C-alpha cells in the first residue's frame, strides 16, 4: 500500500458550514469540494467524483431542439449511482438527493430559474425543468451542486462521502478551526493557526521570505457596496479622485487591486450622475472591511486618511468577517448598514455569474439586502490575484480553473520536477 502524502494547509478563515446551501466562503468550499460528490464529473481526481449514473438533457416541449430559440424550457432527467456510501456508514439514495437538490434550488433560485419537477420516464430517476435562459453546462458546474451533506449528524463526527472524509478537530460554536481531509492518497491537515504550513491558500504571508507565491491564480473581484438608505447623501467615496487613491492604497498593501473602474456594475444599476447632487452630508458612516487581510487595521487607517482625513464624515472602518456581516446585518430586514468592501468569486462559470447571484433583484441571495439596484450603488473596484503560497521545492505551479478559489482543490497544485 502506498504511503499517504501529508500536507499542512493554512486556511486563514475557519470552516463555517459543511452545507453548500449555507456556505459562502472559501474555507468551507475548500473542504466541501474535496469530500462531497459533484453533479457532473469533470477532469481531476476530486472533480471526477460525481453522484450521477446517467443524465438526459432535452427540450421540455416535445419535438423541439434544446438549441432552438423556440425552446422555452429545459428538461433534465437523471439517475444516481446506487453504491454511494457516506463516511459515517450510511448509504446515499435517490430520496436523499431529491431532498438536497430541492433545498439548493429553494435557497438559490438563481441557479435554475422557473424550477419545476416533472414525471420521470424511468424508474428510480428524478426529472426537473427550468427556463431556457441559462447555460446548462455552466449551471451544472456550480460549486453549490455538491451532495451527501444532509445525511450527517450535528455532532461534528466524520463528514463526507467515501473515499474522501473530513475529521473535524477543533470545533467551537459549530465552527471548525482545525481538521483533516483524509483521502486514499492524501492527508490534508487544515488549520487557522498562524504557524508554519506547507501551503497557504490566501496569501497572508506576503512578507515572509520562507514562502513563495505560486504565481497568478484566478482573479478575485472587489466591490464597494453602498446601502440605498445613504445613496442620496454626500459620501466620502463619491469622488473619483478619492477612489483612485483607494485603489493605490490597496496596491501598496499587497492587495493589488487592478483595472480600476468606478462605474456601477451594470447599466441596469447605473444612475444618472446629475441626480447625485447631494442633499446634505451624511455623518457617522461605517465602512466595513474583510478581516482576512493580514494588515486590515493598517488598510483601515489608510482608507480613513484618504476618505475622511478631517473626520468630517466621522467615518469608522471596522474589520469584520464579511460573510457573517452580510448574513447577520445586510440580509436582515430592519438592520442598518452603510457600506462594505467585499471580495467575491463566482459560483458558476460565465461573465454574468456574479451579477446573477449577488446583485440581481430577483436573487434570494442578493448581497444588496432589501435594497434594489436602483437604490444601492455597487462600485467595481477591480480584481486581485488569488495567491496560493508554499514553501519552495514541493509545489511549483497551480492549474487555473474557471471559478478560482471557489472551486480550488488539492490536485490543482503542480508538483516540482525533482
Protein backbone atom coordinates (compact mmCIF):
# COMPACT_ATOMS: atom_id res chain seq x y z
CA UNK A 1 0.00 0.00 0.00
CA UNK A 2 1.34 3.42 -0.95
CA UNK A 3 2.03 5.80 1.92
CA UNK A 4 -0.22 8.86 2.04
CA UNK A 5 1.26 12.28 1.45
CA UNK A 6 0.68 14.64 4.40
CA UNK A 7 0.32 18.38 3.78
CA UNK A 8 -0.30 21.09 6.38
CA UNK A 9 -2.53 23.84 4.99
CA UNK A 10 -3.25 27.28 6.47
CA UNK A 11 -6.82 28.28 5.52
CA UNK A 12 -6.90 31.68 7.31
CA UNK A 13 -10.68 31.59 7.81
CA UNK A 14 -12.31 28.75 9.75
CA UNK A 15 -14.84 26.39 8.14
CA UNK A 16 -18.23 27.91 8.89
CA UNK A 17 -20.52 25.46 7.08
CA UNK A 18 -20.24 22.00 5.55
CA UNK A 19 -23.56 22.55 3.85
CA UNK A 20 -23.48 24.18 0.38
CA UNK A 21 -26.93 25.70 0.99
CA UNK A 22 -25.41 27.92 3.69
CA UNK A 23 -21.71 28.05 2.81
CA UNK A 24 -20.39 31.15 1.06
CA UNK A 25 -16.71 31.31 1.97
CA UNK A 26 -13.54 29.83 0.53
CA UNK A 27 -12.50 27.75 3.54
CA UNK A 28 -15.86 25.98 3.71
CA UNK A 29 -15.80 25.24 -0.01
CA UNK A 30 -12.22 24.01 0.12
CA UNK A 31 -13.49 21.19 2.36
CA UNK A 32 -16.81 20.74 0.52
CA UNK A 33 -15.04 20.45 -2.86
CA UNK A 34 -12.97 17.53 -1.55
CA UNK A 35 -15.48 15.45 0.40
CA UNK A 36 -18.82 15.70 -1.44
CA UNK A 37 -19.51 14.43 -5.00
CA UNK A 38 -20.44 16.86 -7.75
CA UNK A 39 -23.44 16.83 -10.03
CA UNK A 40 -21.36 16.46 -13.18
CA UNK A 41 -17.97 14.80 -13.39
CA UNK A 42 -15.02 16.89 -14.55
CA UNK A 43 -11.34 16.19 -15.14
CA UNK A 44 -9.31 15.77 -11.95
CA UNK A 45 -9.08 13.38 -9.03
CA UNK A 46 -11.65 15.23 -6.92
CA UNK A 47 -13.65 16.80 -9.76
CA UNK A 48 -14.33 13.40 -11.32
CA UNK A 49 -16.26 12.31 -8.23
CA UNK A 50 -19.93 12.58 -9.33
CA UNK A 51 -23.25 11.24 -7.98
CA UNK A 52 -24.65 10.72 -11.48
CA UNK A 53 -25.23 7.34 -13.08
CA UNK A 54 -26.92 8.79 -16.15
CA UNK A 55 -28.30 12.10 -17.39
CA UNK A 56 -30.54 13.16 -20.27
CA UNK A 57 -30.97 16.82 -21.21
CA UNK A 58 -33.70 17.80 -23.68
CA UNK A 59 -36.25 20.46 -24.53
CA UNK A 60 -39.30 20.13 -22.29
CA UNK A 61 -41.51 20.80 -25.31
CA UNK A 62 -41.89 17.71 -27.48
CA UNK A 63 -40.32 17.84 -30.90
CA UNK A 64 -38.15 20.91 -30.27
CA UNK A 65 -34.38 21.02 -30.13
CA UNK A 66 -32.84 22.36 -26.95
CA UNK A 67 -30.76 24.64 -29.20
CA UNK A 68 -33.81 26.20 -30.85
CA UNK A 69 -34.82 29.69 -29.76
CA UNK A 70 -38.40 28.45 -29.59
CA UNK A 71 -37.49 26.00 -26.79
CA UNK A 72 -38.65 27.81 -23.66
CA UNK A 73 -37.83 25.19 -21.03
CA UNK A 74 -35.03 22.66 -20.49
CA UNK A 75 -35.78 19.22 -19.05
CA UNK A 76 -33.17 17.15 -17.18
CA UNK A 77 -33.74 13.54 -16.14
CA UNK A 78 -31.11 11.80 -14.04
CA UNK A 79 -30.36 8.61 -12.20
CA UNK A 80 -27.83 8.46 -9.38
CA UNK A 81 -25.31 5.78 -8.51
CA UNK A 82 -26.57 3.09 -6.15
CA UNK A 83 -23.28 2.45 -4.36
CA UNK A 84 -22.66 5.86 -2.75
CA UNK A 85 -21.53 5.27 0.82
CA UNK A 86 -21.16 8.01 3.41
CA UNK A 87 -18.08 8.19 5.64
CA UNK A 88 -20.42 7.58 8.60
CA UNK A 89 -21.56 4.27 7.07
CA UNK A 90 -24.95 5.31 5.66
CA UNK A 91 -25.96 4.62 2.05
CA UNK A 92 -26.92 7.62 -0.08
CA UNK A 93 -30.10 7.06 -2.09
CA UNK A 94 -32.31 8.92 -4.56
CA UNK A 95 -34.66 10.42 -1.89
CA UNK A 96 -31.60 11.92 -0.18
CA UNK A 97 -30.53 13.51 -3.45
CA UNK A 98 -34.02 14.88 -4.16
CA UNK A 99 -34.19 16.46 -0.69
CA UNK A 100 -30.77 18.12 -1.10
CA UNK A 101 -31.42 19.26 -4.66
CA UNK A 102 -34.69 20.93 -3.71
CA UNK A 103 -33.09 22.57 -0.69
CA UNK A 104 -30.48 24.05 -3.02
CA UNK A 105 -32.98 25.22 -5.63
CA UNK A 106 -35.26 26.76 -2.98
CA UNK A 107 -32.45 28.74 -1.36
CA UNK A 108 -30.65 29.60 -4.61
CA UNK A 109 -33.44 30.49 -7.02
CA UNK A 110 -30.95 31.98 -9.49
CA UNK A 111 -29.49 28.53 -10.27
CA UNK A 112 -32.50 27.10 -12.12
CA UNK A 113 -34.97 29.93 -12.79
CA UNK A 114 -38.54 28.70 -13.01
CA UNK A 115 -37.58 25.35 -11.45
CA UNK A 116 -40.27 22.65 -11.52
CA UNK A 117 -40.28 18.88 -11.11
CA UNK A 118 -41.61 16.63 -13.87
CA UNK A 119 -42.62 12.94 -14.15
CA UNK A 120 -39.52 10.80 -14.85
CA UNK A 121 -39.70 8.37 -17.77
CA UNK A 122 -37.62 5.73 -15.96
CA UNK A 123 -37.88 4.07 -12.57
CA UNK A 124 -35.56 5.29 -9.83
CA UNK A 125 -34.99 8.57 -11.65
CA UNK A 126 -35.59 12.26 -10.99
CA UNK A 127 -36.82 14.83 -13.50
CA UNK A 128 -36.83 18.62 -13.34
CA UNK A 129 -37.22 21.51 -15.77
CA UNK A 130 -36.39 25.22 -15.82
CA UNK A 131 -36.48 28.25 -18.08
CA UNK A 132 -34.12 28.05 -21.03
CA UNK A 133 -32.35 31.30 -20.26
CA UNK A 134 -29.22 29.94 -18.54
CA UNK A 135 -26.28 27.97 -19.92
CA UNK A 136 -26.98 24.40 -18.82
CA UNK A 137 -23.29 23.39 -18.99
CA UNK A 138 -22.36 26.31 -16.76
CA UNK A 139 -25.08 25.89 -14.17
CA UNK A 140 -24.43 22.17 -13.72
CA UNK A 141 -20.84 23.07 -12.78
CA UNK A 142 -21.92 25.33 -9.94
CA UNK A 143 -19.91 24.95 -6.74
CA UNK A 144 -23.17 24.60 -4.82
CA UNK A 145 -24.15 21.33 -6.55
CA UNK A 146 -22.41 19.08 -4.02
CA UNK A 147 -24.24 16.16 -2.44
CA UNK A 148 -24.26 13.98 0.68
CA UNK A 149 -24.29 16.67 3.37
CA UNK A 150 -27.86 16.11 4.65
CA UNK A 151 -27.14 12.61 6.00
CA UNK A 152 -24.74 13.74 8.69
CA UNK A 153 -25.36 14.40 12.35
CA UNK A 154 -24.84 17.75 14.01
CA UNK A 155 -22.28 16.35 16.46
CA UNK A 156 -19.36 17.09 14.11
CA UNK A 157 -18.25 13.50 13.72
CA UNK A 158 -16.74 12.31 10.45
CA UNK A 159 -18.13 14.05 7.35
CA UNK A 160 -18.07 13.28 3.66
CA UNK A 161 -18.65 10.57 1.07
CA UNK A 162 -16.28 7.63 0.69
CA UNK A 163 -13.42 7.56 -0.02
CA UNK A 164 -12.86 11.24 0.90
CA UNK A 165 -13.63 12.02 4.54
CA UNK A 166 -13.25 15.03 6.81
CA UNK A 167 -12.47 14.71 10.51
CA UNK A 168 -13.15 17.98 12.37
CA UNK A 169 -10.78 18.54 15.29
CA UNK A 170 -11.11 21.97 16.88
CA UNK A 171 -14.83 22.85 16.83
CA UNK A 172 -16.23 25.85 18.70
CA UNK A 173 -19.82 27.06 18.38
CA UNK A 174 -20.28 24.82 15.33
CA UNK A 175 -17.31 26.44 13.57
CA UNK A 176 -14.33 24.23 12.60
CA UNK A 177 -10.87 25.71 13.21
CA UNK A 178 -8.82 22.57 12.57
CA UNK A 179 -9.47 19.27 10.86
CA UNK A 180 -8.15 16.62 8.49
CA UNK A 181 -9.27 15.72 4.97
CA UNK A 182 -8.35 12.07 4.50
CA UNK A 183 -8.35 10.53 1.00
CA UNK A 184 -6.72 7.38 -0.42
CA UNK A 185 -3.66 9.43 -1.41
CA UNK A 186 -3.58 12.47 0.90
CA UNK A 187 -3.83 13.64 4.47
CA UNK A 188 -4.61 17.36 4.37
CA UNK A 189 -4.17 18.93 7.81
CA UNK A 190 -6.17 22.18 7.91
CA UNK A 191 -5.50 24.90 10.47
CA UNK A 192 -6.38 28.52 11.07
CA UNK A 193 -3.45 29.00 13.45
CA UNK A 194 -0.66 31.34 12.42
CA UNK A 195 2.04 28.68 12.29
CA UNK A 196 4.33 27.01 9.78
CA UNK A 197 2.43 25.37 6.93
CA UNK A 198 3.27 23.67 3.66
CA UNK A 199 0.57 25.62 1.82
CA UNK A 200 -1.21 28.92 2.41
CA UNK A 201 -4.41 29.49 0.46
CA UNK A 202 -4.99 33.22 0.83
CA UNK A 203 -1.52 34.69 0.55
CA UNK A 204 -1.41 36.11 4.08
CA UNK A 205 2.35 35.51 4.34
CA UNK A 206 3.25 38.09 1.70
CA UNK A 207 6.21 39.44 3.69
CA UNK A 208 7.52 36.06 4.88
CA UNK A 209 10.58 35.15 2.80
CA UNK A 210 10.21 31.46 3.72
CA UNK A 211 7.21 31.27 1.38
CA UNK A 212 6.86 31.92 -2.32
CA UNK A 213 3.83 32.66 -4.41
CA UNK A 214 2.81 30.08 -6.98
CA UNK A 215 2.06 32.94 -9.33
CA UNK A 216 -1.14 34.41 -10.63
CA UNK A 217 -4.22 32.44 -9.84
CA UNK A 218 -7.77 33.12 -10.91
CA UNK A 219 -8.95 36.64 -10.07
CA UNK A 220 -10.91 37.76 -7.04
CA UNK A 221 -13.31 40.63 -7.74
CA UNK A 222 -13.64 43.51 -5.27
CA UNK A 223 -16.73 45.67 -4.83
CA UNK A 224 -17.72 48.57 -2.62
CA UNK A 225 -21.43 48.24 -1.91
CA UNK A 226 -23.38 51.20 -0.56
CA UNK A 227 -26.78 50.94 1.10
CA UNK A 228 -29.64 52.62 -0.74
CA UNK A 229 -30.56 54.37 2.51
CA UNK A 230 -27.48 56.61 2.28
CA UNK A 231 -27.09 56.91 -1.50
CA UNK A 232 -28.87 60.28 -1.57
CA UNK A 233 -26.26 61.83 0.71
CA UNK A 234 -22.83 63.20 0.02
CA UNK A 235 -20.42 60.32 0.69
CA UNK A 236 -16.64 60.24 1.10
CA UNK A 237 -16.22 57.79 -1.78
CA UNK A 238 -18.36 59.79 -4.24
CA UNK A 239 -15.28 61.45 -5.73
CA UNK A 240 -13.35 59.57 -8.40
CA UNK A 241 -10.09 61.15 -7.27
CA UNK A 242 -10.52 59.61 -3.82
CA UNK A 243 -11.42 56.22 -5.29
CA UNK A 244 -8.23 56.21 -7.37
CA UNK A 245 -6.28 56.77 -4.14
CA UNK A 246 -8.17 53.90 -2.54
CA UNK A 247 -7.04 51.67 -5.41
CA UNK A 248 -3.45 52.83 -4.97
CA UNK A 249 -3.60 52.15 -1.23
CA UNK A 250 -4.73 48.59 -1.87
CA UNK A 251 -1.77 48.08 -4.21
CA UNK A 252 0.68 49.36 -1.59
CA UNK A 253 -0.78 46.93 0.91
CA UNK A 254 -0.21 43.99 -1.45
CA UNK A 255 -3.91 43.59 -2.17
CA UNK A 256 -3.05 44.72 -5.72
CA UNK A 257 -6.45 45.83 -6.98
CA UNK A 258 -6.29 46.25 -10.75
CA UNK A 259 -8.38 47.55 -13.64
CA UNK A 260 -9.96 50.41 -11.73
CA UNK A 261 -13.49 51.22 -12.79
CA UNK A 262 -15.55 53.48 -10.55
CA UNK A 263 -18.72 52.93 -12.57
CA UNK A 264 -21.68 50.91 -11.35
CA UNK A 265 -21.57 47.20 -12.11
CA UNK A 266 -24.19 47.06 -14.87
CA UNK A 267 -26.16 49.50 -17.00
CA UNK A 268 -29.33 48.42 -15.25
CA UNK A 269 -27.87 49.60 -11.96
CA UNK A 270 -26.45 52.83 -13.34
CA UNK A 271 -27.78 56.17 -12.17
CA UNK A 272 -27.65 59.49 -13.89
CA UNK A 273 -24.82 61.24 -12.07
CA UNK A 274 -26.76 64.52 -12.19
CA UNK A 275 -29.18 63.01 -9.67
CA UNK A 276 -26.29 62.56 -7.25
CA UNK A 277 -26.15 66.26 -6.39
CA UNK A 278 -26.29 65.63 -2.71
CA UNK A 279 -28.92 66.97 -0.37
CA UNK A 280 -26.56 67.07 2.58
CA UNK A 281 -23.59 65.30 4.09
CA UNK A 282 -24.07 62.00 5.86
CA UNK A 283 -22.04 61.76 9.09
CA UNK A 284 -21.39 58.80 11.35
CA UNK A 285 -20.68 56.44 8.45
CA UNK A 286 -19.37 52.89 8.80
CA UNK A 287 -17.42 51.18 6.01
CA UNK A 288 -16.79 47.52 6.85
CA UNK A 289 -13.68 45.74 5.57
CA UNK A 290 -12.99 41.98 5.23
CA UNK A 291 -10.83 40.89 8.15
CA UNK A 292 -8.98 38.17 6.25
CA UNK A 293 -6.49 40.85 5.18
CA UNK A 294 -3.49 40.24 7.42
CA UNK A 295 -2.97 44.02 7.55
CA UNK A 296 -6.64 45.01 7.79
CA UNK A 297 -6.08 47.56 10.59
CA UNK A 298 -3.34 49.25 8.53
CA UNK A 299 -5.59 49.25 5.49
CA UNK A 300 -8.43 50.78 7.50
CA UNK A 301 -6.13 53.53 8.78
CA UNK A 302 -5.02 54.34 5.23
CA UNK A 303 -8.62 54.45 3.98
CA UNK A 304 -9.57 56.79 6.79
CA UNK A 305 -6.71 59.10 5.81
CA UNK A 306 -7.90 59.18 2.17
CA UNK A 307 -11.65 59.31 2.65
CA UNK A 308 -12.13 61.32 5.81
CA UNK A 309 -8.85 62.87 6.92
CA UNK A 310 -10.56 65.80 8.66
CA UNK A 311 -13.16 63.48 10.23
CA UNK A 312 -15.94 65.44 8.52
CA UNK A 313 -17.98 62.29 7.91
CA UNK A 314 -16.98 60.70 11.23
CA UNK A 315 -16.12 57.60 9.22
CA UNK A 316 -15.37 54.38 11.11
CA UNK A 317 -13.79 51.43 9.29
CA UNK A 318 -14.07 48.18 11.26
CA UNK A 319 -12.62 44.85 10.13
CA UNK A 320 -15.15 42.02 10.14
CA UNK A 321 -15.95 38.62 8.70
CA UNK A 322 -17.80 39.81 5.61
CA UNK A 323 -19.88 36.66 5.10
CA UNK A 324 -21.18 36.92 8.67
CA UNK A 325 -21.70 40.67 8.29
CA UNK A 326 -23.84 40.14 5.18
CA UNK A 327 -25.84 37.27 6.69
CA UNK A 328 -26.41 38.91 10.08
CA UNK A 329 -26.79 42.55 9.03
CA UNK A 330 -27.22 43.25 5.31
CA UNK A 331 -29.78 40.50 4.68
CA UNK A 332 -31.77 41.09 7.88
CA UNK A 333 -34.79 43.38 7.39
CA UNK A 334 -34.64 46.44 9.61
CA UNK A 335 -30.90 46.21 10.29
CA UNK A 336 -28.97 49.39 9.45
CA UNK A 337 -25.74 49.33 7.47
CA UNK A 338 -23.89 51.90 5.38
CA UNK A 339 -21.28 50.29 3.13
CA UNK A 340 -18.79 47.46 2.88
CA UNK A 341 -15.97 46.25 0.69
CA UNK A 342 -16.12 42.61 -0.25
CA UNK A 343 -14.18 40.11 -2.34
CA UNK A 344 -16.30 37.79 -4.49
CA UNK A 345 -15.64 34.84 -6.74
CA UNK A 346 -18.33 33.30 -8.98
CA UNK A 347 -20.38 30.27 -8.01
CA UNK A 348 -20.60 29.05 -11.60
CA UNK A 349 -18.81 29.86 -14.90
CA UNK A 350 -19.94 32.80 -17.01
CA UNK A 351 -19.45 36.55 -17.28
CA UNK A 352 -22.74 37.39 -15.57
CA UNK A 353 -22.42 34.87 -12.71
CA UNK A 354 -21.60 37.43 -10.01
CA UNK A 355 -24.40 39.74 -11.06
CA UNK A 356 -27.00 36.95 -11.22
CA UNK A 357 -26.20 35.64 -7.75
CA UNK A 358 -25.20 38.70 -5.74
CA UNK A 359 -26.62 41.79 -7.43
CA UNK A 360 -29.85 40.73 -9.11
CA UNK A 361 -33.13 41.99 -7.62
CA UNK A 362 -34.66 38.55 -8.28
CA UNK A 363 -31.95 36.58 -6.47
CA UNK A 364 -32.88 35.42 -2.97
CA UNK A 365 -29.16 35.59 -2.14
CA UNK A 366 -28.62 39.22 -3.12
CA UNK A 367 -25.85 40.98 -1.20
CA UNK A 368 -27.73 44.24 -1.63
CA UNK A 369 -30.03 43.26 1.22
CA UNK A 370 -33.53 44.68 0.92
CA UNK A 371 -32.28 47.49 -1.32
CA UNK A 372 -33.00 47.26 -5.01
CA UNK A 373 -30.30 48.04 -7.63
CA UNK A 374 -31.99 51.40 -8.19
CA UNK A 375 -31.34 52.29 -4.55
CA UNK A 376 -27.96 50.69 -3.88
CA UNK A 377 -24.78 51.58 -5.65
CA UNK A 378 -22.20 48.90 -6.45
CA UNK A 379 -18.70 50.14 -7.27
CA UNK A 380 -16.42 47.68 -9.05
CA UNK A 381 -13.01 48.42 -7.56
CA UNK A 382 -11.09 45.92 -9.65
CA UNK A 383 -9.53 42.49 -9.34
CA UNK A 384 -6.84 40.93 -7.21
CA UNK A 385 -4.87 37.79 -7.84
CA UNK A 386 -5.92 34.98 -5.53
CA UNK A 387 -2.50 33.90 -4.37
CA UNK A 388 -1.53 30.44 -3.20
CA UNK A 389 1.77 30.35 -1.28
CA UNK A 390 4.05 27.46 -0.49
CA UNK A 391 7.47 26.56 0.82
CA UNK A 392 9.93 26.28 -2.08
CA UNK A 393 10.66 22.85 -3.53
CA UNK A 394 7.42 20.85 -3.43
CA UNK A 395 4.78 22.74 -5.43
CA UNK A 396 5.86 24.88 -8.36
CA UNK A 397 2.64 26.00 -10.01
CA UNK A 398 -1.14 25.81 -9.83
CA UNK A 399 -3.64 24.98 -12.57
CA UNK A 400 -6.20 27.65 -13.43
CA UNK A 401 -9.88 26.87 -13.17
CA UNK A 402 -13.00 28.74 -14.18
CA UNK A 403 -14.12 29.52 -10.62
CA UNK A 404 -10.86 30.36 -8.87
CA UNK A 405 -10.70 29.89 -5.10
CA UNK A 406 -14.37 28.88 -5.02
CA UNK A 407 -13.51 25.59 -6.73
CA UNK A 408 -9.89 25.10 -5.67
CA UNK A 409 -8.84 21.51 -4.95
CA UNK A 410 -5.55 19.97 -3.88
CA UNK A 411 -4.99 18.32 -7.25
CA UNK A 412 -4.87 21.76 -8.87
CA UNK A 413 -1.34 22.00 -7.50
CA UNK A 414 1.52 21.07 -9.83
CA UNK A 415 4.48 19.30 -8.23
CA UNK A 416 8.01 20.43 -8.92
CA UNK A 417 10.19 18.22 -11.11
CA UNK A 418 12.73 16.87 -8.64
